[in-house]
Amino acid sequence: MSDCLFCKIISGEIPSTKVYEDDLVYAFRDINPQTPVHVLVIPKKHFASIDEIDRAEDREIAACLRAVRLIARHENLEKGYRVISNCGPDACQSVPHLHFHILGGRKMSDQMA
């Protein structure tokens, strides 16, 4: 999508701090980190959210999840990390492009909401 912030990041039109990239996935550091490690993992193909996952090929979603594990290992998150995907306005999804937040680097609260 030409007006999507994350599509522009993938294309290099908007700069980012790349952490990982392969044929299907791009990952970069969040510009407003909520934890010491805060990385966004996004499929290169545009899907607005998990609600559009039926349009995705299984390999595209699997590639995102495999990237999460590789990045967590690279970031030394052996004590644990959290993976979140916000879906829609009530969940505060700020960019309508499917993405997974990897949060870690400190002990987190057991409260999810």
PDB file of N, CA and C in Angstrom:
ATOM      1  N   MET A   1       0.839  -1.189   0.000  1.00  0.00           N
ATOM      2  CA  MET A   1       0.000   0.000   0.000  1.00  0.00           C
ATOM      3  C   MET A   1       0.876   1.240   0.000  1.00  0.00           C
ATOM      4  N   SER A   2       0.562   2.158  -0.862  1.00  0.00           N
ATOM      5  CA  SER A   2       1.421   3.323  -1.039  1.00  0.00           C
ATOM      6  C   SER A   2       1.405   4.286   0.146  1.00  0.00           C
ATOM      7  N   ASP A   3       0.333   4.315   0.939  1.00  0.00           N
ATOM      8  CA  ASP A   3       0.269   5.248   2.060  1.00  0.00           C
ATOM      9  C   ASP A   3       0.532   4.597   3.416  1.00  0.00           C
ATOM     10  N   CYS A   4       0.899   3.334   3.426  1.00  0.00           N
ATOM     11  CA  CYS A   4       1.141   2.609   4.674  1.00  0.00           C
ATOM     12  C   CYS A   4       2.545   2.915   5.205  1.00  0.00           C
ATOM     13  N   LEU A   5       2.618   3.345   6.451  1.00  0.00           N
ATOM     14  CA  LEU A   5       3.893   3.668   7.085  1.00  0.00           C
ATOM     15  C   LEU A   5       4.862   2.493   7.034  1.00  0.00           C
ATOM     16  N   PHE A   6       4.394   1.288   7.396  1.00  0.00           N
ATOM     17  CA  PHE A   6       5.288   0.133   7.429  1.00  0.00           C
ATOM     18  C   PHE A   6       5.693  -0.306   6.032  1.00  0.00           C
ATOM     19  N   CYS A   7       4.812  -0.165   5.049  1.00  0.00           N
ATOM     20  CA  CYS A   7       5.205  -0.474   3.664  1.00  0.00           C
ATOM     21  C   CYS A   7       6.308   0.471   3.204  1.00  0.00           C
ATOM     22  N   LYS A   8       6.243   1.722   3.634  1.00  0.00           N
ATOM     23  CA  LYS A   8       7.280   2.700   3.300  1.00  0.00           C
ATOM     24  C   LYS A   8       8.593   2.360   4.005  1.00  0.00           C
ATOM     25  N   ILE A   9       8.516   1.832   5.200  1.00  0.00           N
ATOM     26  CA  ILE A   9       9.727   1.393   5.909  1.00  0.00           C
ATOM     27  C   ILE A   9      10.347   0.213   5.183  1.00  0.00           C
ATOM     28  N   ILE A  10       9.538  -0.754   4.781  1.00  0.00           N
ATOM     29  CA  ILE A  10      10.038  -1.922   4.056  1.00  0.00           C
ATOM     30  C   ILE A  10      10.741  -1.500   2.764  1.00  0.00           C
ATOM     31  N   SER A  11      10.154  -0.547   2.049  1.00  0.00           N
ATOM     32  CA  SER A  11      10.716  -0.113   0.762  1.00  0.00           C
ATOM     33  C   SER A  11      11.952   0.761   0.926  1.00  0.00           C
ATOM     34  N   GLY A  12      12.233   1.220   2.156  1.00  0.00           N
ATOM     35  CA  GLY A  12      13.380   2.089   2.394  1.00  0.00           C
ATOM     36  C   GLY A  12      13.050   3.565   2.241  1.00  0.00           C
ATOM     37  N   GLU A  13      11.802   3.872   1.940  1.00  0.00           N
ATOM     38  CA  GLU A  13      11.359   5.249   1.784  1.00  0.00           C
ATOM     39  C   GLU A  13      11.437   6.006   3.112  1.00  0.00           C
ATOM     40  N   ILE A  14      11.181   5.296   4.204  1.00  0.00           N
ATOM     41  CA  ILE A  14      11.297   5.846   5.553  1.00  0.00           C
ATOM     42  C   ILE A  14      12.379   5.040   6.268  1.00  0.00           C
ATOM     43  N   PRO A  15      13.351   5.710   6.899  1.00  0.00           N
ATOM     44  CA  PRO A  15      14.431   4.973   7.565  1.00  0.00           C
ATOM     45  C   PRO A  15      13.963   4.222   8.804  1.00  0.00           C
ATOM     46  N   SER A  16      14.679   3.156   9.105  1.00  0.00           N
ATOM     47  CA  SER A  16      14.424   2.373  10.313  1.00  0.00           C
ATOM     48  C   SER A  16      15.734   1.732  10.745  1.00  0.00           C
ATOM     49  N   THR A  17      15.742   1.227  11.955  1.00  0.00           N
ATOM     50  CA  THR A  17      16.900   0.476  12.443  1.00  0.00           C
ATOM     51  C   THR A  17      16.573  -1.001  12.268  1.00  0.00           C
ATOM     52  N   LYS A  18      17.035  -1.546  11.144  1.00  0.00           N
ATOM     53  CA  LYS A  18      16.737  -2.930  10.798  1.00  0.00           C
ATOM     54  C   LYS A  18      17.432  -3.886  11.756  1.00  0.00           C
ATOM     55  N   VAL A  19      16.677  -4.897  12.182  1.00  0.00           N
ATOM     56  CA  VAL A  19      17.184  -5.944  13.059  1.00  0.00           C
ATOM     57  C   VAL A  19      17.282  -7.262  12.299  1.00  0.00           C
ATOM     58  N   TYR A  20      16.351  -7.472  11.357  1.00  0.00           N
ATOM     59  CA  TYR A  20      16.278  -8.743  10.626  1.00  0.00           C
ATOM     60  C   TYR A  20      15.515  -8.520   9.325  1.00  0.00           C
ATOM     61  N   GLU A  21      15.925  -9.284   8.296  1.00  0.00           N
ATOM     62  CA  GLU A  21      15.185  -9.262   7.041  1.00  0.00           C
ATOM     63  C   GLU A  21      15.412 -10.560   6.296  1.00  0.00           C
ATOM     64  N   ASP A  22      14.342 -11.062   5.684  1.00  0.00           N
ATOM     65  CA  ASP A  22      14.451 -12.168   4.744  1.00  0.00           C
ATOM     66  C   ASP A  22      13.466 -11.895   3.612  1.00  0.00           C
ATOM     67  N   ASP A  23      13.158 -12.868   2.789  1.00  0.00           N
ATOM     68  CA  ASP A  23      12.281 -12.650   1.640  1.00  0.00           C
ATOM     69  C   ASP A  23      10.854 -12.261   2.029  1.00  0.00           C
ATOM     70  N   LEU A  24      10.407 -12.685   3.199  1.00  0.00           N
ATOM     71  CA  LEU A  24       9.011 -12.497   3.598  1.00  0.00           C
ATOM     72  C   LEU A  24       8.799 -11.541   4.762  1.00  0.00           C
ATOM     73  N   VAL A  25       9.861 -11.250   5.506  1.00  0.00           N
ATOM     74  CA  VAL A  25       9.733 -10.537   6.789  1.00  0.00           C
ATOM     75  C   VAL A  25      10.743  -9.399   6.882  1.00  0.00           C
ATOM     76  N   TYR A  26      10.326  -8.333   7.542  1.00  0.00           N
ATOM     77  CA  TYR A  26      11.223  -7.233   7.893  1.00  0.00           C
ATOM     78  C   TYR A  26      11.007  -6.939   9.374  1.00  0.00           C
ATOM     79  N   ALA A  27      12.082  -6.726  10.112  1.00  0.00           N
ATOM     80  CA  ALA A  27      11.980  -6.413  11.543  1.00  0.00           C
ATOM     81  C   ALA A  27      12.886  -5.224  11.862  1.00  0.00           C
ATOM     82  N   PHE A  28      12.392  -4.350  12.743  1.00  0.00           N
ATOM     83  CA  PHE A  28      13.126  -3.140  13.080  1.00  0.00           C
ATOM     84  C   PHE A  28      12.800  -2.701  14.504  1.00  0.00           C
ATOM     85  N   ARG A  29      13.659  -1.862  15.058  1.00  0.00           N
ATOM     86  CA  ARG A  29      13.467  -1.364  16.422  1.00  0.00           C
ATOM     87  C   ARG A  29      12.344  -0.330  16.463  1.00  0.00           C
ATOM     88  N   ASP A  30      11.504  -0.435  17.481  1.00  0.00           N
ATOM     89  CA  ASP A  30      10.420   0.521  17.671  1.00  0.00           C
ATOM     90  C   ASP A  30      11.018   1.879  18.037  1.00  0.00           C
ATOM     91  N   ILE A  31      10.468   2.946  17.480  1.00  0.00           N
ATOM     92  CA  ILE A  31      11.009   4.282  17.781  1.00  0.00           C
ATOM     93  C   ILE A  31      10.554   4.803  19.140  1.00  0.00           C
ATOM     94  N   ASN A  32       9.588   4.133  19.749  1.00  0.00           N
ATOM     95  CA  ASN A  32       9.111   4.502  21.087  1.00  0.00           C
ATOM     96  C   ASN A  32       9.102   3.234  21.949  1.00  0.00           C
ATOM     97  N   PRO A  33      10.292   2.726  22.295  1.00  0.00           N
ATOM     98  CA  PRO A  33      10.360   1.431  22.981  1.00  0.00           C
ATOM     99  C   PRO A  33       9.681   1.428  24.346  1.00  0.00           C
ATOM    100  N   GLN A  34       8.941   0.352  24.599  1.00  0.00           N
ATOM    101  CA  GLN A  34       8.245   0.169  25.868  1.00  0.00           C
ATOM    102  C   GLN A  34       9.051  -0.682  26.847  1.00  0.00           C
ATOM    103  N   THR A  35      10.065  -1.367  26.346  1.00  0.00           N
ATOM    104  CA  THR A  35      10.978  -2.189  27.145  1.00  0.00           C
ATOM    105  C   THR A  35      12.378  -2.006  26.559  1.00  0.00           C
ATOM    106  N   PRO A  36      13.422  -2.443  27.266  1.00  0.00           N
ATOM    107  CA  PRO A  36      14.774  -2.288  26.716  1.00  0.00           C
ATOM    108  C   PRO A  36      14.938  -2.881  25.311  1.00  0.00           C
ATOM    109  N   VAL A  37      14.274  -3.999  25.052  1.00  0.00           N
ATOM    110  CA  VAL A  37      14.230  -4.566  23.703  1.00  0.00           C
ATOM    111  C   VAL A  37      12.787  -4.453  23.224  1.00  0.00           C
ATOM    112  N   HIS A  38      12.593  -3.735  22.132  1.00  0.00           N
ATOM    113  CA  HIS A  38      11.258  -3.586  21.541  1.00  0.00           C
ATOM    114  C   HIS A  38      11.434  -3.573  20.027  1.00  0.00           C
ATOM    115  N   VAL A  39      11.142  -4.711  19.413  1.00  0.00           N
ATOM    116  CA  VAL A  39      11.318  -4.899  17.981  1.00  0.00           C
ATOM    117  C   VAL A  39       9.966  -5.197  17.352  1.00  0.00           C
ATOM    118  N   LEU A  40       9.728  -4.631  16.182  1.00  0.00           N
ATOM    119  CA  LEU A  40       8.521  -4.912  15.416  1.00  0.00           C
ATOM    120  C   LEU A  40       8.865  -5.875  14.280  1.00  0.00           C
ATOM    121  N   VAL A  41       8.080  -6.920  14.147  1.00  0.00           N
ATOM    122  CA  VAL A  41       8.258  -7.908  13.084  1.00  0.00           C
ATOM    123  C   VAL A  41       7.037  -7.801  12.178  1.00  0.00           C
ATOM    124  N   ILE A  42       7.278  -7.561  10.881  1.00  0.00           N
ATOM    125  CA  ILE A  42       6.170  -7.358   9.958  1.00  0.00           C
ATOM    126  C   ILE A  42       6.346  -8.202   8.699  1.00  0.00           C
ATOM    127  N   PRO A  43       5.237  -8.718   8.176  1.00  0.00           N
ATOM    128  CA  PRO A  43       5.334  -9.383   6.883  1.00  0.00           C
ATOM    129  C   PRO A  43       5.552  -8.321   5.796  1.00  0.00           C
ATOM    130  N   LYS A  44       6.312  -8.658   4.776  1.00  0.00           N
ATOM    131  CA  LYS A  44       6.545  -7.697   3.699  1.00  0.00           C
ATOM    132  C   LYS A  44       5.279  -7.470   2.866  1.00  0.00           C
ATOM    133  N   LYS A  45       4.435  -8.462   2.788  1.00  0.00           N
ATOM    134  CA  LYS A  45       3.160  -8.304   2.091  1.00  0.00           C
ATOM    135  C   LYS A  45       2.192  -7.609   3.043  1.00  0.00           C
ATOM    136  N   HIS A  46       1.428  -6.667   2.527  1.00  0.00           N
ATOM    137  CA  HIS A  46       0.540  -5.879   3.376  1.00  0.00           C
ATOM    138  C   HIS A  46      -0.722  -6.648   3.750  1.00  0.00           C
ATOM    139  N   PHE A  47      -0.950  -6.746   5.052  1.00  0.00           N
ATOM    140  CA  PHE A  47      -2.203  -7.200   5.641  1.00  0.00           C
ATOM    141  C   PHE A  47      -2.501  -6.192   6.738  1.00  0.00           C
ATOM    142  N   ALA A  48      -3.723  -5.709   6.823  1.00  0.00           N
ATOM    143  CA  ALA A  48      -4.040  -4.661   7.793  1.00  0.00           C
ATOM    144  C   ALA A  48      -3.876  -5.136   9.235  1.00  0.00           C
ATOM    145  N   SER A  49      -4.244  -6.397   9.503  1.00  0.00           N
ATOM    146  CA  SER A  49      -4.171  -6.929  10.867  1.00  0.00           C
ATOM    147  C   SER A  49      -4.401  -8.435  10.819  1.00  0.00           C
ATOM    148  N   ILE A  50      -4.455  -9.044  11.972  1.00  0.00           N
ATOM    149  CA  ILE A  50      -4.761 -10.472  12.053  1.00  0.00           C
ATOM    150  C   ILE A  50      -6.127 -10.767  11.425  1.00  0.00           C
ATOM    151  N   ASP A  51      -7.010  -9.785  11.404  1.00  0.00           N
ATOM    152  CA  ASP A  51      -8.315  -9.991  10.783  1.00  0.00           C
ATOM    153  C   ASP A  51      -8.220 -10.313   9.289  1.00  0.00           C
ATOM    154  N   GLU A  52      -7.100 -10.011   8.661  1.00  0.00           N
ATOM    155  CA  GLU A  52      -6.902 -10.315   7.244  1.00  0.00           C
ATOM    156  C   GLU A  52      -6.014 -11.531   7.014  1.00  0.00           C
ATOM    157  N   ILE A  53      -5.778 -12.291   8.049  1.00  0.00           N
ATOM    158  CA  ILE A  53      -4.836 -13.409   7.968  1.00  0.00           C
ATOM    159  C   ILE A  53      -5.270 -14.486   6.971  1.00  0.00           C
ATOM    160  N   ASP A  54      -6.560 -14.562   6.676  1.00  0.00           N
ATOM    161  CA  ASP A  54      -7.030 -15.537   5.688  1.00  0.00           C
ATOM    162  C   ASP A  54      -6.480 -15.263   4.294  1.00  0.00           C
ATOM    163  N   ARG A  55      -6.059 -14.033   4.028  1.00  0.00           N
ATOM    164  CA  ARG A  55      -5.449 -13.687   2.739  1.00  0.00           C
ATOM    165  C   ARG A  55      -3.981 -14.095   2.663  1.00  0.00           C
ATOM    166  N   ALA A  56      -3.404 -14.386   3.796  1.00  0.00           N
ATOM    167  CA  ALA A  56      -1.975 -14.720   3.859  1.00  0.00           C
ATOM    168  C   ALA A  56      -1.748 -16.197   3.579  1.00  0.00           C
ATOM    169  N   GLU A  57      -0.588 -16.468   3.018  1.00  0.00           N
ATOM    170  CA  GLU A  57      -0.157 -17.855   2.901  1.00  0.00           C
ATOM    171  C   GLU A  57       0.417 -18.268   4.247  1.00  0.00           C
ATOM    172  N   ASP A  58       0.250 -19.529   4.591  1.00  0.00           N
ATOM    173  CA  ASP A  58       0.765 -20.022   5.871  1.00  0.00           C
ATOM    174  C   ASP A  58       2.247 -19.705   6.028  1.00  0.00           C
ATOM    175  N   ARG A  59       3.005 -19.813   4.950  1.00  0.00           N
ATOM    176  CA  ARG A  59       4.454 -19.569   5.040  1.00  0.00           C
ATOM    177  C   ARG A  59       4.772 -18.122   5.406  1.00  0.00           C
ATOM    178  N   GLU A  60       3.902 -17.180   5.041  1.00  0.00           N
ATOM    179  CA  GLU A  60       4.146 -15.778   5.381  1.00  0.00           C
ATOM    180  C   GLU A  60       4.010 -15.544   6.880  1.00  0.00           C
ATOM    181  N   ILE A  61       3.011 -16.144   7.484  1.00  0.00           N
ATOM    182  CA  ILE A  61       2.817 -15.987   8.931  1.00  0.00           C
ATOM    183  C   ILE A  61       3.852 -16.799   9.696  1.00  0.00           C
ATOM    184  N   ALA A  62       4.132 -18.008   9.218  1.00  0.00           N
ATOM    185  CA  ALA A  62       5.160 -18.835   9.863  1.00  0.00           C
ATOM    186  C   ALA A  62       6.513 -18.130   9.830  1.00  0.00           C
ATOM    187  N   ALA A  63       6.813 -17.435   8.748  1.00  0.00           N
ATOM    188  CA  ALA A  63       8.084 -16.715   8.646  1.00  0.00           C
ATOM    189  C   ALA A  63       8.178 -15.621   9.708  1.00  0.00           C
ATOM    190  N   CYS A  64       7.057 -14.947   9.995  1.00  0.00           N
ATOM    191  CA  CYS A  64       7.062 -13.925  11.046  1.00  0.00           C
ATOM    192  C   CYS A  64       7.375 -14.554  12.400  1.00  0.00           C
ATOM    193  N   LEU A  65       6.745 -15.672  12.690  1.00  0.00           N
ATOM    194  CA  LEU A  65       6.947 -16.319  13.987  1.00  0.00           C
ATOM    195  C   LEU A  65       8.351 -16.900  14.115  1.00  0.00           C
ATOM    196  N   ARG A  66       8.887 -17.443  13.024  1.00  0.00           N
ATOM    197  CA  ARG A  66      10.279 -17.922  13.060  1.00  0.00           C
ATOM    198  C   ARG A  66      11.235 -16.755  13.294  1.00  0.00           C
ATOM    199  N   ALA A  67      10.944 -15.616  12.674  1.00  0.00           N
ATOM    200  CA  ALA A  67      11.784 -14.430  12.858  1.00  0.00           C
ATOM    201  C   ALA A  67      11.753 -13.968  14.316  1.00  0.00           C
ATOM    202  N   VAL A  68      10.584 -14.058  14.950  1.00  0.00           N
ATOM    203  CA  VAL A  68      10.483 -13.692  16.368  1.00  0.00           C
ATOM    204  C   VAL A  68      11.503 -14.485  17.176  1.00  0.00           C
ATOM    205  N   ARG A  69      11.536 -15.796  16.968  1.00  0.00           N
ATOM    206  CA  ARG A  69      12.467 -16.653  17.726  1.00  0.00           C
ATOM    207  C   ARG A  69      13.921 -16.307  17.422  1.00  0.00           C
ATOM    208  N   LEU A  70      14.254 -16.090  16.165  1.00  0.00           N
ATOM    209  CA  LEU A  70      15.630 -15.739  15.793  1.00  0.00           C
ATOM    210  C   LEU A  70      16.054 -14.411  16.420  1.00  0.00           C
ATOM    211  N   ILE A  71      15.160 -13.452  16.382  1.00  0.00           N
ATOM    212  CA  ILE A  71      15.467 -12.133  16.951  1.00  0.00           C
ATOM    213  C   ILE A  71      15.605 -12.220  18.463  1.00  0.00           C
ATOM    214  N   ALA A  72      14.719 -12.947  19.122  1.00  0.00           N
ATOM    215  CA  ALA A  72      14.809 -13.110  20.581  1.00  0.00           C
ATOM    216  C   ALA A  72      16.145 -13.729  20.967  1.00  0.00           C
ATOM    217  N   ARG A  73      16.579 -14.719  20.223  1.00  0.00           N
ATOM    218  CA  ARG A  73      17.874 -15.350  20.488  1.00  0.00           C
ATOM    219  C   ARG A  73      19.002 -14.336  20.274  1.00  0.00           C
ATOM    220  N   HIS A  74      18.949 -13.596  19.174  1.00  0.00           N
ATOM    221  CA  HIS A  74      19.980 -12.605  18.858  1.00  0.00           C
ATOM    222  C   HIS A  74      20.038 -11.487  19.899  1.00  0.00           C
ATOM    223  N   GLU A  75      18.885 -11.144  20.468  1.00  0.00           N
ATOM    224  CA  GLU A  75      18.804 -10.064  21.462  1.00  0.00           C
ATOM    225  C   GLU A  75      19.046 -10.557  22.890  1.00  0.00           C
ATOM    226  N   ASN A  76      19.428 -11.824  23.029  1.00  0.00           N
ATOM    227  CA  ASN A  76      19.738 -12.413  24.336  1.00  0.00           C
ATOM    228  C   ASN A  76      18.558 -12.366  25.310  1.00  0.00           C
ATOM    229  N   LEU A  77      17.388 -12.737  24.820  1.00  0.00           N
ATOM    230  CA  LEU A  77      16.193 -12.730  25.654  1.00  0.00           C
ATOM    231  C   LEU A  77      15.905 -14.114  26.220  1.00  0.00           C
ATOM    232  N   GLU A  78      16.960 -14.777  26.671  1.00  0.00           N
ATOM    233  CA  GLU A  78      16.818 -16.144  27.183  1.00  0.00           C
ATOM    234  C   GLU A  78      15.971 -16.235  28.450  1.00  0.00           C
ATOM    235  N   LYS A  79      15.817 -15.138  29.181  1.00  0.00           N
ATOM    236  CA  LYS A  79      14.969 -15.157  30.393  1.00  0.00           C
ATOM    237  C   LYS A  79      13.494 -14.985  30.052  1.00  0.00           C
ATOM    238  N   GLY A  80      13.201 -14.674  28.804  1.00  0.00           N
ATOM    239  CA  GLY A  80      11.812 -14.544  28.382  1.00  0.00           C
ATOM    240  C   GLY A  80      11.533 -13.258  27.632  1.00  0.00           C
ATOM    241  N   TYR A  81      10.422 -13.266  26.949  1.00  0.00           N
ATOM    242  CA  TYR A  81       9.977 -12.110  26.181  1.00  0.00           C
ATOM    243  C   TYR A  81       8.487 -12.252  25.913  1.00  0.00           C
ATOM    244  N   ARG A  82       7.885 -11.161  25.500  1.00  0.00           N
ATOM    245  CA  ARG A  82       6.452 -11.138  25.207  1.00  0.00           C
ATOM    246  C   ARG A  82       6.280 -10.798  23.729  1.00  0.00           C
ATOM    247  N   VAL A  83       5.294 -11.442  23.091  1.00  0.00           N
ATOM    248  CA  VAL A  83       4.955 -11.170  21.698  1.00  0.00           C
ATOM    249  C   VAL A  83       3.499 -10.713  21.666  1.00  0.00           C
ATOM    250  N   ILE A  84       3.269  -9.546  21.071  1.00  0.00           N
ATOM    251  CA  ILE A  84       1.928  -8.960  21.046  1.00  0.00           C
ATOM    252  C   ILE A  84       1.604  -8.501  19.631  1.00  0.00           C
ATOM    253  N   SER A  85       0.363  -8.720  19.234  1.00  0.00           N
ATOM    254  CA  SER A  85      -0.147  -8.143  17.989  1.00  0.00           C
ATOM    255  C   SER A  85      -1.490  -7.485  18.294  1.00  0.00           C
ATOM    256  N   ASN A  86      -1.513  -6.170  18.231  1.00  0.00           N
ATOM    257  CA  ASN A  86      -2.751  -5.434  18.456  1.00  0.00           C
ATOM    258  C   ASN A  86      -3.604  -5.517  17.190  1.00  0.00           C
ATOM    259  N   CYS A  87      -4.909  -5.619  17.378  1.00  0.00           N
ATOM    260  CA  CYS A  87      -5.817  -5.777  16.241  1.00  0.00           C
ATOM    261  C   CYS A  87      -7.007  -4.835  16.399  1.00  0.00           C
ATOM    262  N   GLY A  88      -7.003  -3.752  15.643  1.00  0.00           N
ATOM    263  CA  GLY A  88      -8.124  -2.825  15.639  1.00  0.00           C
ATOM    264  C   GLY A  88      -8.007  -1.685  16.632  1.00  0.00           C
ATOM    265  N   PRO A  89      -8.917  -0.731  16.532  1.00  0.00           N
ATOM    266  CA  PRO A  89      -8.843   0.486  17.352  1.00  0.00           C
ATOM    267  C   PRO A  89      -8.990   0.255  18.851  1.00  0.00           C
ATOM    268  N   ASP A  90      -9.831  -0.676  19.279  1.00  0.00           N
ATOM    269  CA  ASP A  90      -9.976  -0.923  20.713  1.00  0.00           C
ATOM    270  C   ASP A  90      -8.707  -1.513  21.326  1.00  0.00           C
ATOM    271  N   ALA A  91      -7.874  -2.127  20.508  1.00  0.00           N
ATOM    272  CA  ALA A  91      -6.600  -2.672  20.980  1.00  0.00           C
ATOM    273  C   ALA A  91      -5.456  -1.686  20.765  1.00  0.00           C
ATOM    274  N   CYS A  92      -5.782  -0.491  20.307  1.00  0.00           N
ATOM    275  CA  CYS A  92      -4.802   0.577  20.059  1.00  0.00           C
ATOM    276  C   CYS A  92      -3.808   0.222  18.959  1.00  0.00           C
ATOM    277  N   GLN A  93      -4.274  -0.460  17.911  1.00  0.00           N
ATOM    278  CA  GLN A  93      -3.404  -0.714  16.758  1.00  0.00           C
ATOM    279  C   GLN A  93      -3.188   0.622  16.058  1.00  0.00           C
ATOM    280  N   SER A  94      -1.958   1.125  16.091  1.00  0.00           N
ATOM    281  CA  SER A  94      -1.682   2.463  15.575  1.00  0.00           C
ATOM    282  C   SER A  94      -1.302   2.471  14.097  1.00  0.00           C
ATOM    283  N   VAL A  95      -0.809   1.360  13.576  1.00  0.00           N
ATOM    284  CA  VAL A  95      -0.459   1.261  12.156  1.00  0.00           C
ATOM    285  C   VAL A  95      -1.214   0.078  11.571  1.00  0.00           C
ATOM    286  N   PRO A  96      -2.059   0.311  10.564  1.00  0.00           N
ATOM    287  CA  PRO A  96      -2.845  -0.781   9.992  1.00  0.00           C
ATOM    288  C   PRO A  96      -2.032  -1.656   9.024  1.00  0.00           C
ATOM    289  N   HIS A  97      -1.032  -2.298   9.558  1.00  0.00           N
ATOM    290  CA  HIS A  97      -0.204  -3.291   8.858  1.00  0.00           C
ATOM    291  C   HIS A  97       0.107  -4.339   9.920  1.00  0.00           C
ATOM    292  N   LEU A  98      -0.221  -5.589   9.652  1.00  0.00           N
ATOM    293  CA  LEU A  98       0.021  -6.658  10.620  1.00  0.00           C
ATOM    294  C   LEU A  98       1.441  -6.568  11.150  1.00  0.00           C
ATOM    295  N   HIS A  99       1.583  -6.581  12.462  1.00  0.00           N
ATOM    296  CA  HIS A  99       2.912  -6.557  13.064  1.00  0.00           C
ATOM    297  C   HIS A  99       2.879  -7.205  14.442  1.00  0.00           C
ATOM    298  N   PHE A 100       4.027  -7.720  14.809  1.00  0.00           N
ATOM    299  CA  PHE A 100       4.210  -8.388  16.089  1.00  0.00           C
ATOM    300  C   PHE A 100       5.270  -7.624  16.871  1.00  0.00           C
ATOM    301  N   HIS A 101       4.930  -7.234  18.086  1.00  0.00           N
ATOM    302  CA  HIS A 101       5.884  -6.570  18.977  1.00  0.00           C
ATOM    303  C   HIS A 101       6.626  -7.652  19.756  1.00  0.00           C
ATOM    304  N   ILE A 102       7.943  -7.585  19.764  1.00  0.00           N
ATOM    305  CA  ILE A 102       8.754  -8.403  20.663  1.00  0.00           C
ATOM    306  C   ILE A 102       9.192  -7.472  21.783  1.00  0.00           C
ATOM    307  N   LEU A 103       8.789  -7.788  23.003  1.00  0.00           N
ATOM    308  CA  LEU A 103       9.111  -6.973  24.171  1.00  0.00           C
ATOM    309  C   LEU A 103       9.928  -7.805  25.143  1.00  0.00           C
ATOM    310  N   GLY A 104      11.035  -7.274  25.608  1.00  0.00           N
ATOM    311  CA  GLY A 104      11.851  -8.005  26.563  1.00  0.00           C
ATOM    312  C   GLY A 104      12.988  -7.169  27.098  1.00  0.00           C
ATOM    313  N   GLY A 105      13.861  -7.828  27.821  1.00  0.00           N
ATOM    314  CA  GLY A 105      15.012  -7.156  28.396  1.00  0.00           C
ATOM    315  C   GLY A 105      14.818  -6.735  29.839  1.00  0.00           C
ATOM    316  N   ARG A 106      13.665  -7.047  30.405  1.00  0.00           N
ATOM    317  CA  ARG A 106      13.404  -6.768  31.824  1.00  0.00           C
ATOM    318  C   ARG A 106      12.238  -7.645  32.270  1.00  0.00           C
ATOM    319  N   LYS A 107      12.074  -7.772  33.573  1.00  0.00           N
ATOM    320  CA  LYS A 107      10.939  -8.481  34.150  1.00  0.00           C
ATOM    321  C   LYS A 107       9.685  -7.653  33.902  1.00  0.00           C
ATOM    322  N   MET A 108       8.647  -8.286  33.373  1.00  0.00           N
ATOM    323  CA  MET A 108       7.413  -7.587  33.080  1.00  0.00           C
ATOM    324  C   MET A 108       6.329  -7.959  34.092  1.00  0.00           C
ATOM    325  N   SER A 109       5.328  -7.117  34.158  1.00  0.00           N
ATOM    326  CA  SER A 109       4.180  -7.384  35.027  1.00  0.00           C
ATOM    327  C   SER A 109       3.408  -8.589  34.512  1.00  0.00           C
ATOM    328  N   ASP A 110       2.729  -9.280  35.409  1.00  0.00           N
ATOM    329  CA  ASP A 110       1.899 -10.389  34.973  1.00  0.00           C
ATOM    330  C   ASP A 110       0.539  -9.897  34.457  1.00  0.00           C
ATOM    331  N   GLN A 111       0.296  -8.605  34.574  1.00  0.00           N
ATOM    332  CA  GLN A 111      -0.926  -8.008  34.045  1.00  0.00           C
ATOM    333  C   GLN A 111      -0.801  -7.796  32.542  1.00  0.00           C
ATOM    334  N   MET A 112      -1.760  -8.299  31.788  1.00  0.00           N
ATOM    335  CA  MET A 112      -1.715  -8.147  30.337  1.00  0.00           C
ATOM    336  C   MET A 112      -2.534  -6.945  29.868  1.00  0.00           C
ATOM    337  N   ALA A 113      -3.399  -6.443  30.697  1.00  0.00           N
ATOM    338  CA  ALA A 113      -4.258  -5.329  30.272  1.00  0.00           C
ATOM    339  C   ALA A 113      -4.055  -4.125  31.159  1.00  0.00           C
TER     340      ALA A 113
END
